[in-house]
Amino acid sequence: MYPQELNKDFVATLVCLADPEHPIPVRVSWHRSSSKKKKRKKSGHLEGPLAASILQDIGVEDSEDIDVEELGAAKNISQGANALFANVDSGWLQLTANANSRPVKLTFAFIEQIADRIHFNVGSLAQSLYFGQQIDSSRNGFLGFYSSVEDEVFWKIEPAGFYEGFGDQRPAFFLRDRKGYTVKAQSENGVTYLSTGGNGSPLLFTLNDYEVIEPPA
């Protein structure tokens, strides 16, 4: 049963209601290792739709001269960037269902409620490299998984009524970052990502596979 108020720790899948008749589960971009990708990694050239975002996070303007073998050290230059993978298309939250993405279940750790904003730390339950990582946003606003985030990183749920499209009543809400920017859709190269940037309309969300996390007895 889904709660009337989201004021506890819980796990769930995030579902986008941009079209309430066709709800879309949020997915994570995922690229398996291959000899081809390993070769590209050694070449020292970064490519991908979010390369500009990654490069900004590590303080580099051009990917041509990057030694990817040293990227691990470079990724520590800015907050949270050490969680980004050498393949710059991995670890981002998206709405597009394709061969390079998979659904992801999230943990919502309740912090506090201030007026109509409910604050959570949001992390990954994916049984993969992303397990236990938290959601943060890049400098360009794209949402992705980071293994290290600053203490003040959290997300705000703004209740917006209820959704009954699954045959029951579930909370509907907007999602905001700690600065109050709403999560929107931003498309690049045929893939629609979650982002706090851009000029799109705020996305409405609900939950699926909801389970409350009971505190220890």
N, C-alpha and C. Protein backbone atom coordinates (compact mmCIF):
# COMPACT_ATOMS: atom_id res chain seq x y z
N MET A 1 0.84 -1.19 0.00
CA MET A 1 0.00 0.00 0.00
C MET A 1 0.88 1.25 0.00
N TYR A 2 0.49 2.21 -0.79
CA TYR A 2 1.27 3.44 -0.90
C TYR A 2 0.80 4.46 0.12
N PRO A 3 1.73 5.22 0.71
CA PRO A 3 1.38 6.14 1.80
C PRO A 3 0.73 7.42 1.29
N GLN A 4 0.02 8.09 2.18
CA GLN A 4 -0.52 9.40 1.87
C GLN A 4 0.57 10.47 1.95
N GLU A 5 1.56 10.24 2.81
CA GLU A 5 2.66 11.18 2.98
C GLU A 5 3.98 10.42 2.91
N LEU A 6 4.95 11.01 2.25
CA LEU A 6 6.27 10.40 2.13
C LEU A 6 7.19 10.99 3.18
N ASN A 7 7.13 10.45 4.38
CA ASN A 7 7.93 10.98 5.48
C ASN A 7 8.68 9.88 6.22
N LYS A 8 9.00 8.79 5.49
CA LYS A 8 9.78 7.70 6.05
C LYS A 8 10.83 7.26 5.05
N ASP A 9 11.79 6.47 5.53
CA ASP A 9 12.75 5.85 4.61
C ASP A 9 12.02 4.80 3.78
N PHE A 10 12.34 4.75 2.48
CA PHE A 10 11.71 3.74 1.64
C PHE A 10 12.57 3.45 0.42
N VAL A 11 12.24 2.35 -0.27
CA VAL A 11 12.86 2.03 -1.56
C VAL A 11 11.74 1.97 -2.59
N ALA A 12 12.05 2.34 -3.83
CA ALA A 12 11.04 2.36 -4.89
C ALA A 12 11.71 2.62 -6.22
N THR A 13 10.94 2.37 -7.27
CA THR A 13 11.33 2.79 -8.61
C THR A 13 10.66 4.12 -8.90
N LEU A 14 11.42 5.06 -9.44
CA LEU A 14 10.89 6.37 -9.81
C LEU A 14 10.24 6.27 -11.18
N VAL A 15 9.01 6.78 -11.30
CA VAL A 15 8.25 6.68 -12.55
C VAL A 15 7.85 8.08 -12.99
N CYS A 16 8.16 8.41 -14.26
CA CYS A 16 7.86 9.72 -14.81
C CYS A 16 6.44 9.74 -15.38
N LEU A 17 5.71 10.81 -15.08
CA LEU A 17 4.33 10.96 -15.55
C LEU A 17 4.20 12.11 -16.55
N ALA A 18 5.21 12.30 -17.39
CA ALA A 18 5.13 13.33 -18.41
C ALA A 18 3.88 13.11 -19.27
N ASP A 19 3.56 11.85 -19.55
CA ASP A 19 2.31 11.45 -20.17
C ASP A 19 1.65 10.48 -19.20
N PRO A 20 0.66 10.93 -18.42
CA PRO A 20 0.06 10.06 -17.39
C PRO A 20 -0.53 8.77 -17.94
N GLU A 21 -0.88 8.76 -19.22
CA GLU A 21 -1.41 7.54 -19.81
C GLU A 21 -0.33 6.52 -20.11
N HIS A 22 0.91 6.97 -20.16
CA HIS A 22 2.02 6.09 -20.47
C HIS A 22 3.19 6.39 -19.52
N PRO A 23 3.08 5.97 -18.26
CA PRO A 23 4.15 6.23 -17.29
C PRO A 23 5.45 5.56 -17.70
N ILE A 24 6.57 6.23 -17.43
CA ILE A 24 7.88 5.76 -17.87
C ILE A 24 8.80 5.55 -16.67
N PRO A 25 9.25 4.32 -16.41
CA PRO A 25 10.21 4.11 -15.32
C PRO A 25 11.55 4.80 -15.63
N VAL A 26 12.13 5.40 -14.60
CA VAL A 26 13.45 6.00 -14.75
C VAL A 26 14.49 4.89 -14.83
N ARG A 27 15.44 5.04 -15.74
CA ARG A 27 16.47 4.04 -15.99
C ARG A 27 17.84 4.66 -15.78
N VAL A 28 18.86 3.80 -15.73
CA VAL A 28 20.24 4.27 -15.66
C VAL A 28 20.98 3.82 -16.91
N SER A 29 21.75 4.73 -17.49
CA SER A 29 22.55 4.35 -18.66
C SER A 29 23.64 3.39 -18.22
N TRP A 30 23.88 2.39 -19.07
CA TRP A 30 24.76 1.29 -18.69
C TRP A 30 25.50 0.79 -19.91
N HIS A 31 26.80 0.71 -19.82
CA HIS A 31 27.60 0.19 -20.93
C HIS A 31 28.50 -0.91 -20.39
N ARG A 32 28.32 -2.10 -20.92
CA ARG A 32 29.20 -3.21 -20.53
C ARG A 32 30.58 -3.01 -21.14
N SER A 33 31.58 -3.52 -20.43
CA SER A 33 32.94 -3.44 -20.96
C SER A 33 33.07 -4.32 -22.20
N SER A 34 33.85 -3.87 -23.15
CA SER A 34 34.14 -4.67 -24.34
C SER A 34 35.55 -4.33 -24.78
N SER A 35 36.12 -5.20 -25.61
CA SER A 35 37.48 -4.94 -26.08
C SER A 35 37.54 -3.63 -26.85
N LYS A 36 36.47 -3.33 -27.58
CA LYS A 36 36.44 -2.10 -28.35
C LYS A 36 36.47 -0.90 -27.42
N LYS A 37 35.65 -0.96 -26.36
CA LYS A 37 35.62 0.17 -25.42
C LYS A 37 36.95 0.29 -24.67
N LYS A 38 37.54 -0.85 -24.32
CA LYS A 38 38.83 -0.79 -23.63
C LYS A 38 39.89 -0.16 -24.53
N LYS A 39 39.82 -0.47 -25.81
CA LYS A 39 40.77 0.12 -26.74
C LYS A 39 40.57 1.63 -26.81
N ARG A 40 39.29 2.05 -26.86
CA ARG A 40 39.02 3.49 -26.91
C ARG A 40 39.50 4.16 -25.63
N LYS A 41 39.37 3.46 -24.51
CA LYS A 41 39.83 4.04 -23.25
C LYS A 41 41.34 4.30 -23.29
N LYS A 42 42.09 3.35 -23.82
CA LYS A 42 43.53 3.52 -23.87
C LYS A 42 43.96 4.59 -24.87
N SER A 43 43.07 4.88 -25.83
CA SER A 43 43.43 5.89 -26.83
C SER A 43 43.47 7.29 -26.24
N GLY A 44 42.80 7.47 -25.08
CA GLY A 44 42.83 8.77 -24.45
C GLY A 44 41.88 9.77 -25.04
N HIS A 45 40.85 9.32 -25.77
CA HIS A 45 39.89 10.25 -26.35
C HIS A 45 38.51 9.95 -25.82
N LEU A 46 37.85 10.94 -25.20
CA LEU A 46 36.53 10.76 -24.63
C LEU A 46 35.47 11.21 -25.61
N GLU A 47 34.41 10.38 -25.75
CA GLU A 47 33.31 10.73 -26.62
C GLU A 47 32.01 10.42 -25.90
N GLY A 48 30.90 10.95 -26.41
CA GLY A 48 29.61 10.64 -25.84
C GLY A 48 28.76 11.87 -25.69
N PRO A 49 27.44 11.71 -25.57
CA PRO A 49 26.55 12.85 -25.52
C PRO A 49 26.74 13.73 -24.30
N LEU A 50 27.29 13.17 -23.21
CA LEU A 50 27.46 13.97 -22.01
C LEU A 50 28.93 14.29 -21.75
N ALA A 51 29.76 14.15 -22.78
CA ALA A 51 31.20 14.39 -22.59
C ALA A 51 31.46 15.80 -22.08
N ALA A 52 30.75 16.78 -22.61
CA ALA A 52 30.97 18.17 -22.19
C ALA A 52 30.71 18.33 -20.70
N SER A 53 29.67 17.63 -20.21
CA SER A 53 29.35 17.72 -18.79
C SER A 53 30.46 17.13 -17.93
N ILE A 54 30.98 15.96 -18.36
CA ILE A 54 32.07 15.32 -17.63
C ILE A 54 33.31 16.20 -17.63
N LEU A 55 33.64 16.72 -18.80
CA LEU A 55 34.84 17.54 -18.92
C LEU A 55 34.76 18.77 -18.03
N GLN A 56 33.58 19.36 -17.93
CA GLN A 56 33.42 20.51 -17.05
C GLN A 56 33.64 20.09 -15.60
N ASP A 57 33.12 18.90 -15.23
CA ASP A 57 33.27 18.45 -13.86
C ASP A 57 34.73 18.24 -13.47
N ILE A 58 35.57 17.83 -14.41
CA ILE A 58 36.96 17.59 -14.07
C ILE A 58 37.85 18.76 -14.46
N GLY A 59 37.24 19.87 -14.90
CA GLY A 59 37.98 21.09 -15.16
C GLY A 59 38.78 21.08 -16.43
N VAL A 60 38.31 20.35 -17.45
CA VAL A 60 39.01 20.26 -18.72
C VAL A 60 38.09 20.72 -19.83
N GLU A 61 38.61 21.46 -20.80
CA GLU A 61 37.77 21.99 -21.86
C GLU A 61 37.79 21.14 -23.12
N ASP A 62 38.84 20.35 -23.36
CA ASP A 62 38.96 19.58 -24.59
C ASP A 62 39.34 18.16 -24.26
N SER A 63 38.68 17.20 -24.86
CA SER A 63 38.95 15.80 -24.54
C SER A 63 40.11 15.21 -25.33
N GLU A 64 40.58 15.90 -26.33
CA GLU A 64 41.56 15.29 -27.25
C GLU A 64 42.86 14.91 -26.56
N ASP A 65 43.27 15.71 -25.57
CA ASP A 65 44.58 15.49 -24.98
C ASP A 65 44.52 14.79 -23.61
N ILE A 66 43.36 14.25 -23.26
CA ILE A 66 43.24 13.61 -21.96
C ILE A 66 43.88 12.23 -21.98
N ASP A 67 44.70 11.95 -20.99
CA ASP A 67 45.19 10.59 -20.78
C ASP A 67 44.18 9.89 -19.89
N VAL A 68 43.36 9.01 -20.48
CA VAL A 68 42.28 8.40 -19.73
C VAL A 68 42.81 7.50 -18.62
N GLU A 69 44.01 6.97 -18.79
CA GLU A 69 44.57 6.14 -17.73
C GLU A 69 44.79 6.95 -16.45
N GLU A 70 44.90 8.27 -16.57
CA GLU A 70 45.09 9.12 -15.40
C GLU A 70 43.79 9.81 -14.97
N LEU A 71 42.69 9.41 -15.58
CA LEU A 71 41.42 10.09 -15.31
C LEU A 71 40.99 9.91 -13.87
N GLY A 72 41.34 8.78 -13.25
CA GLY A 72 40.94 8.56 -11.87
C GLY A 72 41.43 9.66 -10.96
N ALA A 73 42.68 10.05 -11.12
CA ALA A 73 43.21 11.15 -10.31
C ALA A 73 42.56 12.47 -10.69
N ALA A 74 42.36 12.69 -11.99
CA ALA A 74 41.78 13.95 -12.44
C ALA A 74 40.37 14.13 -11.92
N LYS A 75 39.65 13.02 -11.77
CA LYS A 75 38.26 13.12 -11.35
C LYS A 75 38.11 13.60 -9.91
N ASN A 76 39.19 13.63 -9.16
CA ASN A 76 39.11 14.12 -7.80
C ASN A 76 39.20 15.64 -7.72
N ILE A 77 39.40 16.29 -8.86
CA ILE A 77 39.55 17.75 -8.87
C ILE A 77 38.33 18.43 -8.31
N SER A 78 37.13 17.97 -8.68
CA SER A 78 35.91 18.62 -8.22
C SER A 78 35.05 17.64 -7.45
N GLN A 79 34.15 18.20 -6.64
CA GLN A 79 33.29 17.40 -5.77
C GLN A 79 32.49 16.38 -6.56
N GLY A 80 32.56 15.13 -6.06
CA GLY A 80 31.74 14.09 -6.63
C GLY A 80 32.22 13.52 -7.94
N ALA A 81 33.17 14.16 -8.61
CA ALA A 81 33.53 13.73 -9.96
C ALA A 81 34.29 12.42 -9.97
N ASN A 82 34.83 12.00 -8.82
CA ASN A 82 35.57 10.74 -8.79
C ASN A 82 34.66 9.54 -9.01
N ALA A 83 33.34 9.75 -8.98
CA ALA A 83 32.42 8.64 -9.22
C ALA A 83 32.14 8.41 -10.69
N LEU A 84 32.57 9.34 -11.53
CA LEU A 84 32.24 9.23 -12.95
C LEU A 84 33.15 8.22 -13.62
N PHE A 85 32.58 7.43 -14.53
CA PHE A 85 33.33 6.36 -15.16
C PHE A 85 34.06 6.84 -16.40
N ALA A 86 35.07 6.07 -16.83
CA ALA A 86 35.81 6.44 -18.03
C ALA A 86 34.90 6.50 -19.24
N ASN A 87 33.91 5.63 -19.29
CA ASN A 87 32.92 5.72 -20.36
C ASN A 87 31.90 6.76 -19.95
N VAL A 88 31.89 7.91 -20.64
CA VAL A 88 31.12 9.05 -20.17
C VAL A 88 29.63 8.90 -20.38
N ASP A 89 29.17 7.82 -20.99
CA ASP A 89 27.74 7.61 -21.16
C ASP A 89 27.14 6.77 -20.03
N SER A 90 27.91 6.36 -19.05
CA SER A 90 27.42 5.47 -18.01
C SER A 90 27.02 6.22 -16.75
N GLY A 91 26.00 5.67 -16.07
CA GLY A 91 25.65 6.18 -14.75
C GLY A 91 24.68 7.33 -14.72
N TRP A 92 24.08 7.69 -15.85
CA TRP A 92 23.16 8.82 -15.90
C TRP A 92 21.71 8.35 -15.89
N LEU A 93 20.83 9.11 -15.26
CA LEU A 93 19.43 8.76 -15.21
C LEU A 93 18.73 9.24 -16.47
N GLN A 94 17.93 8.35 -17.06
CA GLN A 94 17.30 8.66 -18.33
C GLN A 94 15.91 8.05 -18.40
N LEU A 95 15.14 8.53 -19.38
CA LEU A 95 13.79 8.01 -19.61
C LEU A 95 13.75 7.10 -20.83
N THR A 96 14.72 7.19 -21.68
CA THR A 96 14.75 6.40 -22.91
C THR A 96 15.09 4.95 -22.61
N ALA A 97 14.24 4.04 -23.08
CA ALA A 97 14.50 2.61 -22.92
C ALA A 97 15.26 2.12 -24.14
N ASN A 98 16.49 1.68 -23.95
CA ASN A 98 17.29 1.14 -25.05
C ASN A 98 18.22 0.06 -24.51
N ALA A 99 19.04 -0.49 -25.41
CA ALA A 99 19.93 -1.59 -25.02
C ALA A 99 21.00 -1.15 -24.04
N ASN A 100 21.23 0.16 -23.94
CA ASN A 100 22.28 0.67 -23.07
C ASN A 100 21.73 1.29 -21.79
N SER A 101 20.54 0.85 -21.38
CA SER A 101 19.98 1.34 -20.12
C SER A 101 19.22 0.21 -19.45
N ARG A 102 18.99 0.38 -18.16
CA ARG A 102 18.24 -0.62 -17.40
C ARG A 102 17.49 0.09 -16.28
N PRO A 103 16.34 -0.48 -15.86
CA PRO A 103 15.61 0.11 -14.73
C PRO A 103 16.46 0.07 -13.47
N VAL A 104 16.18 0.99 -12.56
CA VAL A 104 16.98 1.05 -11.33
C VAL A 104 16.06 1.34 -10.15
N LYS A 105 16.26 0.60 -9.08
CA LYS A 105 15.52 0.83 -7.85
C LYS A 105 16.34 1.75 -6.96
N LEU A 106 15.65 2.66 -6.28
CA LEU A 106 16.31 3.71 -5.52
C LEU A 106 15.97 3.62 -4.04
N THR A 107 16.88 4.10 -3.21
CA THR A 107 16.63 4.25 -1.78
C THR A 107 16.39 5.73 -1.49
N PHE A 108 15.38 6.00 -0.69
CA PHE A 108 15.06 7.37 -0.27
C PHE A 108 15.23 7.44 1.24
N ALA A 109 16.27 8.11 1.69
CA ALA A 109 16.54 8.24 3.12
C ALA A 109 15.99 9.58 3.61
N PHE A 110 14.94 9.52 4.43
CA PHE A 110 14.26 10.72 4.89
C PHE A 110 15.18 11.55 5.79
N ILE A 111 15.21 12.85 5.53
CA ILE A 111 16.01 13.78 6.34
C ILE A 111 15.10 14.64 7.22
N GLU A 112 14.20 15.38 6.57
CA GLU A 112 13.30 16.28 7.28
C GLU A 112 12.24 16.79 6.32
N GLN A 113 11.22 17.42 6.86
CA GLN A 113 10.22 18.09 6.04
C GLN A 113 10.14 19.54 6.46
N ILE A 114 10.24 20.44 5.47
CA ILE A 114 10.13 21.87 5.71
C ILE A 114 9.00 22.39 4.83
N ALA A 115 7.90 22.81 5.46
CA ALA A 115 6.71 23.25 4.73
C ALA A 115 6.26 22.11 3.82
N ASP A 116 6.13 22.36 2.50
CA ASP A 116 5.68 21.29 1.60
C ASP A 116 6.82 20.65 0.84
N ARG A 117 8.03 20.76 1.35
CA ARG A 117 9.19 20.12 0.74
C ARG A 117 9.70 19.03 1.67
N ILE A 118 9.81 17.81 1.14
CA ILE A 118 10.29 16.67 1.93
C ILE A 118 11.68 16.32 1.44
N HIS A 119 12.66 16.36 2.34
CA HIS A 119 14.06 16.21 1.96
C HIS A 119 14.53 14.76 2.12
N PHE A 120 15.22 14.27 1.09
CA PHE A 120 15.76 12.91 1.09
C PHE A 120 17.16 12.89 0.51
N ASN A 121 17.97 11.94 0.98
CA ASN A 121 19.13 11.48 0.22
C ASN A 121 18.64 10.34 -0.65
N VAL A 122 19.02 10.34 -1.93
CA VAL A 122 18.52 9.34 -2.85
C VAL A 122 19.70 8.56 -3.42
N GLY A 123 19.67 7.25 -3.27
CA GLY A 123 20.77 6.41 -3.72
C GLY A 123 20.30 5.25 -4.57
N SER A 124 21.25 4.43 -4.98
CA SER A 124 20.99 3.32 -5.91
C SER A 124 21.00 1.98 -5.20
N LEU A 125 20.05 1.12 -5.60
CA LEU A 125 20.07 -0.28 -5.17
C LEU A 125 20.47 -1.20 -6.31
N ALA A 126 20.93 -0.64 -7.42
CA ALA A 126 21.33 -1.45 -8.57
C ALA A 126 22.46 -2.40 -8.18
N GLN A 127 22.31 -3.66 -8.55
CA GLN A 127 23.35 -4.65 -8.25
C GLN A 127 24.45 -4.53 -9.30
N SER A 128 25.22 -3.49 -9.20
CA SER A 128 26.23 -3.20 -10.21
C SER A 128 27.25 -2.24 -9.61
N LEU A 129 28.03 -1.61 -10.46
CA LEU A 129 29.00 -0.64 -10.00
C LEU A 129 28.36 0.54 -9.30
N TYR A 130 27.05 0.74 -9.52
CA TYR A 130 26.38 1.90 -8.94
C TYR A 130 25.81 1.63 -7.56
N PHE A 131 25.89 0.40 -7.06
CA PHE A 131 25.26 0.06 -5.79
C PHE A 131 25.76 0.97 -4.67
N GLY A 132 24.80 1.57 -3.94
CA GLY A 132 25.16 2.42 -2.81
C GLY A 132 25.54 3.84 -3.17
N GLN A 133 25.65 4.14 -4.45
CA GLN A 133 25.99 5.51 -4.84
C GLN A 133 24.78 6.42 -4.75
N GLN A 134 25.02 7.70 -4.58
CA GLN A 134 23.95 8.67 -4.43
C GLN A 134 23.75 9.48 -5.70
N ILE A 135 22.54 9.98 -5.87
CA ILE A 135 22.24 10.84 -7.00
C ILE A 135 22.72 12.26 -6.71
N ASP A 136 23.45 12.81 -7.64
CA ASP A 136 23.83 14.21 -7.62
C ASP A 136 23.72 14.70 -9.06
N SER A 137 23.97 15.96 -9.30
CA SER A 137 23.89 16.48 -10.66
C SER A 137 25.24 17.05 -11.07
N SER A 138 25.53 16.94 -12.36
CA SER A 138 26.75 17.51 -12.92
C SER A 138 26.61 19.02 -13.00
N ARG A 139 27.67 19.67 -13.40
CA ARG A 139 27.60 21.13 -13.53
C ARG A 139 26.63 21.55 -14.61
N ASN A 140 26.36 20.68 -15.55
CA ASN A 140 25.37 20.97 -16.58
C ASN A 140 23.96 20.56 -16.15
N GLY A 141 23.84 20.01 -14.96
CA GLY A 141 22.52 19.68 -14.43
C GLY A 141 22.06 18.27 -14.63
N PHE A 142 22.83 17.41 -15.32
CA PHE A 142 22.39 16.03 -15.55
C PHE A 142 22.47 15.22 -14.25
N LEU A 143 21.43 14.42 -13.99
CA LEU A 143 21.39 13.59 -12.80
C LEU A 143 22.11 12.27 -13.05
N GLY A 144 22.98 11.89 -12.11
CA GLY A 144 23.72 10.65 -12.24
C GLY A 144 24.14 10.13 -10.89
N PHE A 145 24.73 8.93 -10.87
CA PHE A 145 25.18 8.32 -9.63
C PHE A 145 26.62 8.71 -9.34
N TYR A 146 26.86 9.11 -8.09
CA TYR A 146 28.18 9.51 -7.62
C TYR A 146 28.53 8.70 -6.37
N SER A 147 29.77 8.23 -6.28
CA SER A 147 30.17 7.46 -5.11
C SER A 147 30.53 8.37 -3.94
N SER A 148 30.76 9.64 -4.22
CA SER A 148 31.11 10.58 -3.16
C SER A 148 30.40 11.89 -3.43
N VAL A 149 29.57 12.32 -2.49
CA VAL A 149 28.87 13.59 -2.63
C VAL A 149 29.08 14.40 -1.35
N GLU A 150 28.90 15.71 -1.46
CA GLU A 150 29.05 16.57 -0.30
C GLU A 150 27.87 16.38 0.65
N ASP A 151 28.08 16.73 1.92
CA ASP A 151 27.06 16.49 2.93
C ASP A 151 25.75 17.22 2.63
N GLU A 152 25.83 18.37 1.96
CA GLU A 152 24.62 19.14 1.73
C GLU A 152 23.83 18.70 0.50
N VAL A 153 24.26 17.62 -0.15
CA VAL A 153 23.52 17.13 -1.33
C VAL A 153 22.28 16.37 -0.87
N PHE A 154 21.13 16.85 -1.28
CA PHE A 154 19.88 16.15 -1.00
C PHE A 154 18.86 16.57 -2.05
N TRP A 155 17.72 15.87 -2.05
CA TRP A 155 16.67 16.12 -3.03
C TRP A 155 15.36 16.41 -2.32
N LYS A 156 14.56 17.26 -2.93
CA LYS A 156 13.30 17.68 -2.33
C LYS A 156 12.13 17.10 -3.12
N ILE A 157 11.24 16.43 -2.43
CA ILE A 157 9.98 15.99 -3.03
C ILE A 157 8.92 17.04 -2.72
N GLU A 158 8.26 17.51 -3.77
CA GLU A 158 7.18 18.48 -3.63
C GLU A 158 5.86 17.79 -3.99
N PRO A 159 5.04 17.45 -3.00
CA PRO A 159 3.79 16.73 -3.30
C PRO A 159 2.91 17.50 -4.28
N ALA A 160 2.26 16.74 -5.19
CA ALA A 160 1.38 17.34 -6.19
C ALA A 160 0.15 16.46 -6.40
N GLY A 161 -0.44 16.01 -5.29
CA GLY A 161 -1.64 15.20 -5.39
C GLY A 161 -1.34 13.73 -5.50
N PHE A 162 -2.20 13.00 -6.23
CA PHE A 162 -2.06 11.55 -6.32
C PHE A 162 -2.27 11.09 -7.76
N TYR A 163 -1.73 9.91 -8.03
CA TYR A 163 -1.86 9.29 -9.35
C TYR A 163 -2.57 7.96 -9.18
N GLU A 164 -3.57 7.70 -10.01
CA GLU A 164 -4.36 6.49 -9.89
C GLU A 164 -4.28 5.61 -11.13
N GLY A 165 -3.32 5.86 -11.99
CA GLY A 165 -3.22 5.14 -13.25
C GLY A 165 -2.82 3.69 -13.14
N PHE A 166 -2.29 3.27 -11.97
CA PHE A 166 -1.93 1.86 -11.78
C PHE A 166 -3.04 1.08 -11.09
N GLY A 167 -4.21 1.71 -10.90
CA GLY A 167 -5.32 1.02 -10.25
C GLY A 167 -5.38 1.23 -8.76
N ASP A 168 -4.44 2.00 -8.22
CA ASP A 168 -4.48 2.36 -6.81
C ASP A 168 -4.10 3.83 -6.70
N GLN A 169 -3.97 4.34 -5.51
CA GLN A 169 -3.66 5.75 -5.31
C GLN A 169 -2.23 5.89 -4.80
N ARG A 170 -1.41 6.58 -5.59
CA ARG A 170 0.00 6.75 -5.24
C ARG A 170 0.36 8.23 -5.22
N PRO A 171 1.32 8.62 -4.38
CA PRO A 171 1.72 10.02 -4.35
C PRO A 171 2.27 10.46 -5.72
N ALA A 172 1.90 11.65 -6.13
CA ALA A 172 2.49 12.30 -7.31
C ALA A 172 3.27 13.51 -6.81
N PHE A 173 4.40 13.78 -7.44
CA PHE A 173 5.25 14.85 -6.90
C PHE A 173 6.22 15.36 -7.95
N PHE A 174 6.73 16.55 -7.68
CA PHE A 174 7.85 17.10 -8.43
C PHE A 174 9.12 16.83 -7.63
N LEU A 175 10.24 16.74 -8.32
CA LEU A 175 11.53 16.50 -7.68
C LEU A 175 12.41 17.72 -7.90
N ARG A 176 12.99 18.23 -6.82
CA ARG A 176 13.86 19.40 -6.89
C ARG A 176 15.21 19.10 -6.27
N ASP A 177 16.25 19.79 -6.75
CA ASP A 177 17.55 19.65 -6.10
C ASP A 177 17.59 20.54 -4.88
N ARG A 178 18.71 20.54 -4.18
CA ARG A 178 18.80 21.28 -2.92
C ARG A 178 18.65 22.79 -3.10
N LYS A 179 18.90 23.27 -4.33
CA LYS A 179 18.76 24.69 -4.61
C LYS A 179 17.36 25.06 -5.07
N GLY A 180 16.51 24.05 -5.21
CA GLY A 180 15.13 24.30 -5.59
C GLY A 180 14.84 24.15 -7.07
N TYR A 181 15.84 23.79 -7.89
CA TYR A 181 15.61 23.62 -9.33
C TYR A 181 14.87 22.30 -9.58
N THR A 182 13.81 22.36 -10.38
CA THR A 182 13.02 21.17 -10.66
C THR A 182 13.71 20.28 -11.69
N VAL A 183 13.43 18.98 -11.58
CA VAL A 183 13.96 18.02 -12.55
C VAL A 183 13.09 18.04 -13.80
N LYS A 184 13.77 18.13 -14.95
CA LYS A 184 13.12 18.21 -16.25
C LYS A 184 13.71 17.15 -17.16
N ALA A 185 13.19 17.08 -18.38
CA ALA A 185 13.75 16.20 -19.40
C ALA A 185 14.64 17.01 -20.32
N GLN A 186 15.80 16.45 -20.65
CA GLN A 186 16.71 17.10 -21.59
C GLN A 186 17.24 16.03 -22.55
N SER A 187 17.03 16.23 -23.85
CA SER A 187 17.40 15.22 -24.84
C SER A 187 18.70 15.56 -25.54
N GLU A 188 19.52 14.53 -25.74
CA GLU A 188 20.77 14.66 -26.50
C GLU A 188 20.96 13.38 -27.30
N ASN A 189 21.16 13.54 -28.60
CA ASN A 189 21.44 12.40 -29.48
C ASN A 189 20.42 11.28 -29.34
N GLY A 190 19.15 11.66 -29.25
CA GLY A 190 18.09 10.67 -29.22
C GLY A 190 17.82 10.04 -27.88
N VAL A 191 18.51 10.48 -26.83
CA VAL A 191 18.30 9.95 -25.49
C VAL A 191 17.77 11.07 -24.60
N THR A 192 16.73 10.77 -23.81
CA THR A 192 16.15 11.76 -22.91
C THR A 192 16.65 11.52 -21.50
N TYR A 193 17.39 12.47 -20.97
CA TYR A 193 17.99 12.38 -19.64
C TYR A 193 17.20 13.20 -18.63
N LEU A 194 17.39 12.92 -17.35
CA LEU A 194 16.87 13.77 -16.29
C LEU A 194 17.89 14.86 -16.00
N SER A 195 17.41 16.09 -15.87
CA SER A 195 18.30 17.22 -15.70
C SER A 195 17.60 18.35 -14.96
N THR A 196 18.36 19.13 -14.22
CA THR A 196 17.83 20.35 -13.61
C THR A 196 18.14 21.56 -14.48
N GLY A 197 18.75 21.34 -15.63
CA GLY A 197 19.04 22.43 -16.56
C GLY A 197 18.00 22.48 -17.67
N GLY A 198 18.23 23.34 -18.61
CA GLY A 198 17.34 23.43 -19.76
C GLY A 198 16.09 24.22 -19.46
N ASN A 199 15.24 24.35 -20.47
CA ASN A 199 14.05 25.18 -20.37
C ASN A 199 12.76 24.38 -20.45
N GLY A 200 12.83 23.09 -20.25
CA GLY A 200 11.63 22.26 -20.34
C GLY A 200 10.72 22.43 -19.15
N SER A 201 9.55 21.80 -19.23
CA SER A 201 8.60 21.85 -18.13
C SER A 201 9.01 20.87 -17.03
N PRO A 202 8.75 21.19 -15.76
CA PRO A 202 9.05 20.25 -14.68
C PRO A 202 8.32 18.93 -14.88
N LEU A 203 9.01 17.84 -14.57
CA LEU A 203 8.42 16.51 -14.71
C LEU A 203 7.67 16.12 -13.45
N LEU A 204 6.53 15.46 -13.65
CA LEU A 204 5.77 14.91 -12.54
C LEU A 204 6.15 13.44 -12.39
N PHE A 205 6.32 12.99 -11.14
CA PHE A 205 6.74 11.62 -10.86
C PHE A 205 5.77 10.93 -9.92
N THR A 206 5.80 9.61 -9.93
CA THR A 206 5.19 8.78 -8.90
C THR A 206 6.14 7.63 -8.61
N LEU A 207 5.66 6.63 -7.88
CA LEU A 207 6.52 5.53 -7.44
C LEU A 207 5.95 4.20 -7.87
N ASN A 208 6.84 3.22 -8.00
CA ASN A 208 6.44 1.83 -8.23
C ASN A 208 7.31 0.95 -7.33
N ASP A 209 6.83 -0.25 -7.03
CA ASP A 209 7.58 -1.20 -6.19
C ASP A 209 7.98 -0.58 -4.86
N TYR A 210 7.06 0.16 -4.26
CA TYR A 210 7.33 0.88 -3.02
C TYR A 210 7.44 -0.08 -1.84
N GLU A 211 8.47 0.10 -1.02
CA GLU A 211 8.63 -0.66 0.23
C GLU A 211 9.18 0.28 1.28
N VAL A 212 8.48 0.37 2.40
CA VAL A 212 8.98 1.20 3.48
C VAL A 212 10.11 0.48 4.21
N ILE A 213 11.10 1.21 4.65
CA ILE A 213 12.21 0.64 5.41
C ILE A 213 11.91 0.85 6.89
N GLU A 214 11.60 -0.22 7.57
CA GLU A 214 11.27 -0.11 8.99
C GLU A 214 12.55 0.04 9.81
N PRO A 215 12.52 0.93 10.82
CA PRO A 215 13.70 1.07 11.67
C PRO A 215 13.93 -0.19 12.50
N PRO A 216 15.18 -0.46 12.88
CA PRO A 216 15.47 -1.65 13.70
C PRO A 216 14.69 -1.63 14.99
N ALA A 217 14.29 -2.80 15.42
CA ALA A 217 13.52 -2.90 16.67
C ALA A 217 14.41 -2.57 17.86
